[in-house]
Amino acid sequence: MAIFLTGDTHGNFKRFENTIFYEQVGLTKRDCLIICGDFGGVWDGGPEDRRWLDWLERKPYTTLFVSGNHENYDLLAEYPAEEWNGGQVQRIRPSVIHLMRGQVYDIQGKKFFTMGGASSHDIAGGILEPDDPEFEKKQEQLEASRSLYRVNHVSWWKDELPSAEEYETARFNLENHGWKVDYIITHCCPTSVQDELSGGFYQADALTDFLDEITRRCEFEYHFFGHYHTNKIIREKFVLLYEQIIRLKL
């Protein structure tokens, strides 16, 4: 059995074509590929979403993902939660599975703690409300000034950051596992790692501070994350992934 990991896909899954991800030959549904957030396969519920989700379902392996900041949380919320390998998941397709926040899973004999979400950094121009009477005017001004902005419930959701209940769930589950797991899978990274990675460019938030707490209290082998659109290893244990696909040594 095998477990692979990669970074943000944003609804573009071409890196998983046979000619690029050639290691998939001989894999079965017992093998897994984990996407570290910004999955983007549940975006507008349209034909393109369905086409790619069906394409992933036909792959020989199981696709797992944590949520990022670029997800349609309204659509994700429509999928019921169920238990899978010791934690709660949402099954988008039989073998396309959302690993929910604050969960600990037993996957191929290894413990994985997951905590999806992140703050959007491409919103300097603000968040527009689609029902604002001046929406079009504001949008035209932002477009003209080339400001980065998002539209509430269209391209941005407040649920990009976990709720208080999800933080409580995470602490409860880690306590039940003695604050010891093999791997941590998130979208963003702990504040201290983010500061080292970006030189202070990215601002701390409740989630990055929480992940700092987790890395202080939890015993783990590696922490894998995406979000920052590059591939890099930090302090030996923190692995930032983007388009690279790596295989865990089990």
C-alpha atoms as a PDB file:
ATOM      1  CA  MET A   1       0.000   0.000   0.000  1.00  0.00           C
ATOM      2  CA  ALA A   2       1.124   3.561  -0.685  1.00  0.00           C
ATOM      3  CA  ILE A   3       0.332   7.108   0.415  1.00  0.00           C
ATOM      4  CA  PHE A   4       1.180  10.135  -1.771  1.00  0.00           C
ATOM      5  CA  LEU A   5       0.837  13.831  -0.930  1.00  0.00           C
ATOM      6  CA  THR A   6       0.666  17.015  -2.972  1.00  0.00           C
ATOM      7  CA  GLY A   7      -0.299  20.670  -2.606  1.00  0.00           C
ATOM      8  CA  ASP A   8      -3.046  22.952  -3.897  1.00  0.00           C
ATOM      9  CA  THR A   9      -4.947  21.838  -6.986  1.00  0.00           C
ATOM     10  CA  HIS A  10      -7.578  24.624  -7.305  1.00  0.00           C
ATOM     11  CA  GLY A  11      -9.787  22.350  -9.390  1.00  0.00           C
ATOM     12  CA  ASN A  12      -6.987  21.559 -11.852  1.00  0.00           C
ATOM     13  CA  PHE A  13      -6.088  17.873 -11.581  1.00  0.00           C
ATOM     14  CA  LYS A  14      -3.907  17.484 -14.656  1.00  0.00           C
ATOM     15  CA  ARG A  15      -0.866  16.627 -12.517  1.00  0.00           C
ATOM     16  CA  PHE A  16      -2.612  13.322 -11.828  1.00  0.00           C
ATOM     17  CA  GLU A  17      -2.624  12.265 -15.472  1.00  0.00           C
ATOM     18  CA  ASN A  18      -0.907   8.934 -16.062  1.00  0.00           C
ATOM     19  CA  THR A  19       1.941  10.508 -18.015  1.00  0.00           C
ATOM     20  CA  ILE A  20       2.807  12.844 -15.117  1.00  0.00           C
ATOM     21  CA  PHE A  21       1.878  10.837 -12.024  1.00  0.00           C
ATOM     22  CA  TYR A  22       3.216   7.608 -13.457  1.00  0.00           C
ATOM     23  CA  GLU A  23       3.573   6.004 -10.008  1.00  0.00           C
ATOM     24  CA  GLN A  24      -0.177   5.342 -10.022  1.00  0.00           C
ATOM     25  CA  VAL A  25       0.296   2.285 -12.227  1.00  0.00           C
ATOM     26  CA  GLY A  26      -0.542  -0.745 -10.132  1.00  0.00           C
ATOM     27  CA  LEU A  27      -2.236   1.228  -7.340  1.00  0.00           C
ATOM     28  CA  THR A  28      -5.604   0.206  -5.904  1.00  0.00           C
ATOM     29  CA  LYS A  29      -8.335   2.006  -3.955  1.00  0.00           C
ATOM     30  CA  ARG A  30      -6.480   0.979  -0.783  1.00  0.00           C
ATOM     31  CA  ASP A  31      -3.735   3.417  -1.828  1.00  0.00           C
ATOM     32  CA  CYS A  32      -4.226   7.136  -1.136  1.00  0.00           C
ATOM     33  CA  LEU A  33      -3.278  10.510  -2.540  1.00  0.00           C
ATOM     34  CA  ILE A  34      -3.725  13.408  -0.091  1.00  0.00           C
ATOM     35  CA  ILE A  35      -4.204  17.012  -1.282  1.00  0.00           C
ATOM     36  CA  CYS A  36      -3.131  19.612   1.311  1.00  0.00           C
ATOM     37  CA  GLY A  37      -5.996  22.064   0.798  1.00  0.00           C
ATOM     38  CA  ASP A  38      -7.402  24.294  -1.941  1.00  0.00           C
ATOM     39  CA  PHE A  39      -8.848  21.185  -3.545  1.00  0.00           C
ATOM     40  CA  GLY A  40     -11.295  23.243  -5.580  1.00  0.00           C
ATOM     41  CA  GLY A  41     -13.180  20.255  -6.965  1.00  0.00           C
ATOM     42  CA  VAL A  42     -16.408  21.347  -5.274  1.00  0.00           C
ATOM     43  CA  TRP A  43     -16.605  24.902  -6.576  1.00  0.00           C
ATOM     44  CA  ASP A  44     -19.853  25.732  -8.347  1.00  0.00           C
ATOM     45  CA  GLY A  45     -21.579  22.370  -8.654  1.00  0.00           C
ATOM     46  CA  GLY A  46     -21.594  22.655 -12.429  1.00  0.00           C
ATOM     47  CA  PRO A  47     -20.681  20.239 -15.238  1.00  0.00           C
ATOM     48  CA  GLU A  48     -16.953  20.973 -14.940  1.00  0.00           C
ATOM     49  CA  ASP A  49     -17.003  20.042 -11.249  1.00  0.00           C
ATOM     50  CA  ARG A  50     -18.847  16.817 -12.006  1.00  0.00           C
ATOM     51  CA  ARG A  51     -16.560  15.937 -14.901  1.00  0.00           C
ATOM     52  CA  TRP A  52     -13.396  16.253 -12.816  1.00  0.00           C
ATOM     53  CA  LEU A  53     -14.866  14.532  -9.760  1.00  0.00           C
ATOM     54  CA  ASP A  54     -15.935  11.609 -11.946  1.00  0.00           C
ATOM     55  CA  TRP A  55     -12.452  11.601 -13.494  1.00  0.00           C
ATOM     56  CA  LEU A  56     -10.875  11.384 -10.034  1.00  0.00           C
ATOM     57  CA  GLU A  57     -13.291   8.625  -9.074  1.00  0.00           C
ATOM     58  CA  ARG A  58     -12.071   6.557 -12.040  1.00  0.00           C
ATOM     59  CA  LYS A  59      -8.478   6.773 -10.809  1.00  0.00           C
ATOM     60  CA  PRO A  60      -7.159   3.522  -9.321  1.00  0.00           C
ATOM     61  CA  TYR A  61      -6.409   5.130  -5.928  1.00  0.00           C
ATOM     62  CA  THR A  62      -8.463   7.026  -3.324  1.00  0.00           C
ATOM     63  CA  THR A  63      -8.227  10.833  -3.340  1.00  0.00           C
ATOM     64  CA  LEU A  64      -8.258  12.526   0.082  1.00  0.00           C
ATOM     65  CA  PHE A  65      -8.160  16.260   0.766  1.00  0.00           C
ATOM     66  CA  VAL A  66      -8.314  18.812   3.557  1.00  0.00           C
ATOM     67  CA  SER A  67     -10.059  22.109   2.943  1.00  0.00           C
ATOM     68  CA  GLY A  68      -8.211  25.299   2.063  1.00  0.00           C
ATOM     69  CA  ASN A  69      -9.275  28.931   1.818  1.00  0.00           C
ATOM     70  CA  HIS A  70     -10.394  28.571  -1.785  1.00  0.00           C
ATOM     71  CA  GLU A  71     -13.280  26.127  -1.330  1.00  0.00           C
ATOM     72  CA  ASN A  72     -17.018  26.569  -1.727  1.00  0.00           C
ATOM     73  CA  TYR A  73     -18.028  25.930   1.876  1.00  0.00           C
ATOM     74  CA  ASP A  74     -21.726  26.338   1.078  1.00  0.00           C
ATOM     75  CA  LEU A  75     -21.559  23.349  -1.271  1.00  0.00           C
ATOM     76  CA  LEU A  76     -19.276  21.326   0.990  1.00  0.00           C
ATOM     77  CA  ALA A  77     -21.788  21.732   3.814  1.00  0.00           C
ATOM     78  CA  GLU A  78     -24.381  19.860   1.746  1.00  0.00           C
ATOM     79  CA  TYR A  79     -22.421  16.603   1.997  1.00  0.00           C
ATOM     80  CA  PRO A  80     -23.274  14.525   5.084  1.00  0.00           C
ATOM     81  CA  ALA A  81     -20.549  13.530   7.516  1.00  0.00           C
ATOM     82  CA  GLU A  82     -19.796   9.884   8.166  1.00  0.00           C
ATOM     83  CA  GLU A  83     -17.175   7.919  10.053  1.00  0.00           C
ATOM     84  CA  TRP A  84     -14.155   6.652   8.149  1.00  0.00           C
ATOM     85  CA  ASN A  85     -10.954   5.190   9.586  1.00  0.00           C
ATOM     86  CA  GLY A  86     -11.602   6.635  13.032  1.00  0.00           C
ATOM     87  CA  GLY A  87     -12.629  10.170  12.066  1.00  0.00           C
ATOM     88  CA  GLN A  88     -15.415  12.145  10.409  1.00  0.00           C
ATOM     89  CA  VAL A  89     -15.316  12.674   6.638  1.00  0.00           C
ATOM     90  CA  GLN A  90     -17.506  13.909   3.814  1.00  0.00           C
ATOM     91  CA  ARG A  91     -17.647  11.547   0.860  1.00  0.00           C
ATOM     92  CA  ILE A  92     -17.769  13.603  -2.338  1.00  0.00           C
ATOM     93  CA  ARG A  93     -17.525  10.481  -4.465  1.00  0.00           C
ATOM     94  CA  PRO A  94     -17.042   6.912  -3.192  1.00  0.00           C
ATOM     95  CA  SER A  95     -13.267   7.373  -3.352  1.00  0.00           C
ATOM     96  CA  VAL A  96     -12.995  11.193  -3.269  1.00  0.00           C
ATOM     97  CA  ILE A  97     -13.101  12.089   0.419  1.00  0.00           C
ATOM     98  CA  HIS A  98     -12.884  15.321   2.429  1.00  0.00           C
ATOM     99  CA  LEU A  99     -10.846  14.874   5.633  1.00  0.00           C
ATOM    100  CA  MET A 100     -12.595  17.166   8.095  1.00  0.00           C
ATOM    101  CA  ARG A 101     -11.101  19.543  10.640  1.00  0.00           C
ATOM    102  CA  GLY A 102      -9.803  18.370  13.976  1.00  0.00           C
ATOM    103  CA  GLN A 103      -9.941  14.682  13.106  1.00  0.00           C
ATOM    104  CA  VAL A 104      -7.468  11.856  13.664  1.00  0.00           C
ATOM    105  CA  TYR A 105      -7.519   9.007  11.150  1.00  0.00           C
ATOM    106  CA  ASP A 106      -5.823   5.619  11.015  1.00  0.00           C
ATOM    107  CA  ILE A 107      -4.632   5.294   7.424  1.00  0.00           C
ATOM    108  CA  GLN A 108      -2.547   2.263   6.597  1.00  0.00           C
ATOM    109  CA  GLY A 109      -1.496   1.891  10.210  1.00  0.00           C
ATOM    110  CA  LYS A 110      -0.425   5.538  10.616  1.00  0.00           C
ATOM    111  CA  LYS A 111      -2.191   8.295  12.544  1.00  0.00           C
ATOM    112  CA  PHE A 112      -3.024  11.463  10.610  1.00  0.00           C
ATOM    113  CA  PHE A 113      -4.303  14.648  12.269  1.00  0.00           C
ATOM    114  CA  THR A 114      -6.075  17.035   9.874  1.00  0.00           C
ATOM    115  CA  MET A 115      -6.972  20.706  10.237  1.00  0.00           C
ATOM    116  CA  GLY A 116      -7.948  22.368   6.975  1.00  0.00           C
ATOM    117  CA  GLY A 117      -8.490  26.064   6.338  1.00  0.00           C
ATOM    118  CA  ALA A 118      -6.441  29.248   5.967  1.00  0.00           C
ATOM    119  CA  SER A 119      -6.814  33.007   5.630  1.00  0.00           C
ATOM    120  CA  SER A 120      -7.111  34.357   2.101  1.00  0.00           C
ATOM    121  CA  HIS A 121      -4.291  36.740   1.204  1.00  0.00           C
ATOM    122  CA  ASP A 122      -5.756  37.889  -2.119  1.00  0.00           C
ATOM    123  CA  ILE A 123      -8.406  40.193  -0.619  1.00  0.00           C
ATOM    124  CA  ALA A 124      -6.582  43.505  -0.185  1.00  0.00           C
ATOM    125  CA  GLY A 125      -9.431  45.228  -2.039  1.00  0.00           C
ATOM    126  CA  GLY A 126     -11.987  43.776   0.348  1.00  0.00           C
ATOM    127  CA  ILE A 127     -14.954  41.398   0.274  1.00  0.00           C
ATOM    128  CA  LEU A 128     -17.922  42.507  -1.835  1.00  0.00           C
ATOM    129  CA  GLU A 129     -21.504  41.601  -0.953  1.00  0.00           C
ATOM    130  CA  PRO A 130     -23.399  40.430  -4.050  1.00  0.00           C
ATOM    131  CA  ASP A 131     -26.650  42.030  -2.841  1.00  0.00           C
ATOM    132  CA  ASP A 132     -25.021  45.428  -2.291  1.00  0.00           C
ATOM    133  CA  PRO A 133     -26.883  48.014  -4.450  1.00  0.00           C
ATOM    134  CA  GLU A 134     -23.476  49.458  -5.407  1.00  0.00           C
ATOM    135  CA  PHE A 135     -21.921  46.073  -6.149  1.00  0.00           C
ATOM    136  CA  GLU A 136     -21.276  46.707  -9.843  1.00  0.00           C
ATOM    137  CA  LYS A 137     -19.844  50.157  -9.204  1.00  0.00           C
ATOM    138  CA  LYS A 138     -17.485  48.883  -6.523  1.00  0.00           C
ATOM    139  CA  GLN A 139     -16.461  45.941  -8.669  1.00  0.00           C
ATOM    140  CA  GLU A 140     -15.679  48.214 -11.620  1.00  0.00           C
ATOM    141  CA  GLN A 141     -13.529  50.420  -9.397  1.00  0.00           C
ATOM    142  CA  LEU A 142     -11.614  47.434  -8.024  1.00  0.00           C
ATOM    143  CA  GLU A 143     -11.126  45.992 -11.500  1.00  0.00           C
ATOM    144  CA  ALA A 144      -9.895  49.353 -12.816  1.00  0.00           C
ATOM    145  CA  SER A 145      -7.364  49.662  -9.985  1.00  0.00           C
ATOM    146  CA  ARG A 146      -6.407  45.987 -10.332  1.00  0.00           C
ATOM    147  CA  SER A 147      -7.097  45.444  -6.666  1.00  0.00           C
ATOM    148  CA  LEU A 148      -7.459  41.915  -5.358  1.00  0.00           C
ATOM    149  CA  TYR A 149     -10.938  41.249  -4.027  1.00  0.00           C
ATOM    150  CA  ARG A 150     -13.426  38.458  -3.455  1.00  0.00           C
ATOM    151  CA  VAL A 151     -17.214  38.148  -3.451  1.00  0.00           C
ATOM    152  CA  ASN A 152     -18.962  36.738  -0.384  1.00  0.00           C
ATOM    153  CA  HIS A 153     -20.480  33.277  -1.001  1.00  0.00           C
ATOM    154  CA  VAL A 154     -19.210  33.379  -4.592  1.00  0.00           C
ATOM    155  CA  SER A 155     -15.413  33.353  -4.295  1.00  0.00           C
ATOM    156  CA  TRP A 156     -14.933  33.795  -0.531  1.00  0.00           C
ATOM    157  CA  TRP A 157     -16.430  32.208   2.582  1.00  0.00           C
ATOM    158  CA  LYS A 158     -15.902  33.114   6.242  1.00  0.00           C
ATOM    159  CA  ASP A 159     -15.709  29.366   6.904  1.00  0.00           C
ATOM    160  CA  GLU A 160     -12.206  29.395   5.432  1.00  0.00           C
ATOM    161  CA  LEU A 161     -11.140  29.589   9.107  1.00  0.00           C
ATOM    162  CA  PRO A 162     -12.281  26.985  11.646  1.00  0.00           C
ATOM    163  CA  SER A 163     -15.053  27.612  14.142  1.00  0.00           C
ATOM    164  CA  ALA A 164     -14.578  27.525  17.917  1.00  0.00           C
ATOM    165  CA  GLU A 165     -16.248  24.115  17.914  1.00  0.00           C
ATOM    166  CA  GLU A 166     -13.733  22.753  15.398  1.00  0.00           C
ATOM    167  CA  TYR A 167     -10.813  23.904  17.552  1.00  0.00           C
ATOM    168  CA  GLU A 168     -12.423  22.171  20.530  1.00  0.00           C
ATOM    169  CA  THR A 169     -12.903  19.002  18.482  1.00  0.00           C
ATOM    170  CA  ALA A 170      -9.242  19.064  17.477  1.00  0.00           C
ATOM    171  CA  ARG A 171      -8.000  19.371  21.059  1.00  0.00           C
ATOM    172  CA  PHE A 172     -10.434  16.694  22.252  1.00  0.00           C
ATOM    173  CA  ASN A 173      -9.343  14.204  19.584  1.00  0.00           C
ATOM    174  CA  LEU A 174      -5.639  14.861  20.113  1.00  0.00           C
ATOM    175  CA  GLU A 175      -6.118  14.442  23.854  1.00  0.00           C
ATOM    176  CA  ASN A 176      -7.753  11.068  23.188  1.00  0.00           C
ATOM    177  CA  HIS A 177      -4.662  10.053  21.207  1.00  0.00           C
ATOM    178  CA  GLY A 178      -2.257  11.225  23.866  1.00  0.00           C
ATOM    179  CA  TRP A 179      -1.128  14.168  21.738  1.00  0.00           C
ATOM    180  CA  LYS A 180       0.798  11.767  19.547  1.00  0.00           C
ATOM    181  CA  VAL A 181       0.269  11.218  15.799  1.00  0.00           C
ATOM    182  CA  ASP A 182       2.506  10.262  12.904  1.00  0.00           C
ATOM    183  CA  TYR A 183       1.574  13.062  10.503  1.00  0.00           C
ATOM    184  CA  ILE A 184      -0.188  16.428  10.547  1.00  0.00           C
ATOM    185  CA  ILE A 185      -1.987  17.543   7.373  1.00  0.00           C
ATOM    186  CA  THR A 186      -3.108  21.173   7.058  1.00  0.00           C
ATOM    187  CA  HIS A 187      -3.428  23.901   4.442  1.00  0.00           C
ATOM    188  CA  CYS A 188      -1.581  26.732   6.191  1.00  0.00           C
ATOM    189  CA  CYS A 189       1.249  26.271   8.700  1.00  0.00           C
ATOM    190  CA  PRO A 190       2.076  27.365  12.271  1.00  0.00           C
ATOM    191  CA  THR A 191       2.752  31.068  12.802  1.00  0.00           C
ATOM    192  CA  SER A 192       6.426  30.530  13.644  1.00  0.00           C
ATOM    193  CA  VAL A 193       6.969  28.490  10.471  1.00  0.00           C
ATOM    194  CA  GLN A 194       5.016  31.001   8.390  1.00  0.00           C
ATOM    195  CA  ASP A 195       7.180  33.839   9.727  1.00  0.00           C
ATOM    196  CA  GLU A 196      10.322  31.936   8.834  1.00  0.00           C
ATOM    197  CA  LEU A 197       8.938  31.069   5.417  1.00  0.00           C
ATOM    198  CA  SER A 198       7.746  34.548   4.454  1.00  0.00           C
ATOM    199  CA  GLY A 199       9.889  36.884   6.536  1.00  0.00           C
ATOM    200  CA  GLY A 200       6.745  38.271   8.145  1.00  0.00           C
ATOM    201  CA  PHE A 201       4.895  38.904   4.872  1.00  0.00           C
ATOM    202  CA  TYR A 202       1.925  36.728   5.907  1.00  0.00           C
ATOM    203  CA  GLN A 203      -0.001  37.779   9.001  1.00  0.00           C
ATOM    204  CA  ALA A 204      -0.729  35.438  11.876  1.00  0.00           C
ATOM    205  CA  ASP A 205      -4.339  34.465  12.597  1.00  0.00           C
ATOM    206  CA  ALA A 206      -6.231  32.221  14.999  1.00  0.00           C
ATOM    207  CA  LEU A 207      -5.508  29.123  12.930  1.00  0.00           C
ATOM    208  CA  THR A 208      -1.758  29.644  12.465  1.00  0.00           C
ATOM    209  CA  ASP A 209      -1.482  30.412  16.192  1.00  0.00           C
ATOM    210  CA  PHE A 210      -3.455  27.248  16.954  1.00  0.00           C
ATOM    211  CA  LEU A 211      -1.104  25.225  14.778  1.00  0.00           C
ATOM    212  CA  ASP A 212       1.800  26.660  16.762  1.00  0.00           C
ATOM    213  CA  GLU A 213       0.116  25.298  19.889  1.00  0.00           C
ATOM    214  CA  ILE A 214      -0.342  21.917  18.243  1.00  0.00           C
ATOM    215  CA  THR A 215       3.279  21.621  17.184  1.00  0.00           C
ATOM    216  CA  ARG A 216       4.403  22.483  20.723  1.00  0.00           C
ATOM    217  CA  ARG A 217       2.099  19.998  22.407  1.00  0.00           C
ATOM    218  CA  CYS A 218       1.911  17.190  19.866  1.00  0.00           C
ATOM    219  CA  GLU A 219       4.500  14.543  19.080  1.00  0.00           C
ATOM    220  CA  PHE A 220       4.658  13.963  15.323  1.00  0.00           C
ATOM    221  CA  GLU A 221       7.018  12.907  12.571  1.00  0.00           C
ATOM    222  CA  TYR A 222       6.134  15.340   9.773  1.00  0.00           C
ATOM    223  CA  HIS A 223       3.742  18.222   9.176  1.00  0.00           C
ATOM    224  CA  PHE A 224       2.631  18.576   5.540  1.00  0.00           C
ATOM    225  CA  PHE A 225       0.878  21.714   4.243  1.00  0.00           C
ATOM    226  CA  GLY A 226       0.180  23.722   1.082  1.00  0.00           C
ATOM    227  CA  HIS A 227      -1.150  27.291   0.618  1.00  0.00           C
ATOM    228  CA  TYR A 228       2.116  29.124  -0.140  1.00  0.00           C
ATOM    229  CA  HIS A 229       2.599  27.870  -3.725  1.00  0.00           C
ATOM    230  CA  THR A 230       6.105  26.483  -3.555  1.00  0.00           C
ATOM    231  CA  ASN A 231       7.897  23.327  -2.459  1.00  0.00           C
ATOM    232  CA  LYS A 232      10.164  23.584   0.552  1.00  0.00           C
ATOM    233  CA  ILE A 233      11.291  21.766   3.695  1.00  0.00           C
ATOM    234  CA  ILE A 234      11.548  23.885   6.857  1.00  0.00           C
ATOM    235  CA  ARG A 235      13.202  22.737  10.090  1.00  0.00           C
ATOM    236  CA  GLU A 236      13.292  19.181   8.678  1.00  0.00           C
ATOM    237  CA  LYS A 237       9.770  18.337   9.925  1.00  0.00           C
ATOM    238  CA  PHE A 238       7.627  20.902   8.083  1.00  0.00           C
ATOM    239  CA  VAL A 239       7.050  20.070   4.423  1.00  0.00           C
ATOM    240  CA  LEU A 240       5.474  22.675   2.131  1.00  0.00           C
ATOM    241  CA  LEU A 241       4.007  21.200  -1.050  1.00  0.00           C
ATOM    242  CA  TYR A 242       2.633  22.732  -4.202  1.00  0.00           C
ATOM    243  CA  GLU A 243       2.719  20.887  -7.522  1.00  0.00           C
ATOM    244  CA  GLN A 244       5.186  18.266  -6.347  1.00  0.00           C
ATOM    245  CA  ILE A 245       3.835  14.804  -5.535  1.00  0.00           C
ATOM    246  CA  ILE A 246       5.764  12.870  -2.903  1.00  0.00           C
ATOM    247  CA  ARG A 247       5.414   9.367  -1.524  1.00  0.00           C
ATOM    248  CA  LEU A 248       5.511   8.646   2.190  1.00  0.00           C
ATOM    249  CA  LYS A 249       8.028   6.108   3.364  1.00  0.00           C
ATOM    250  CA  LEU A 250       5.812   3.855   5.463  1.00  0.00           C
END
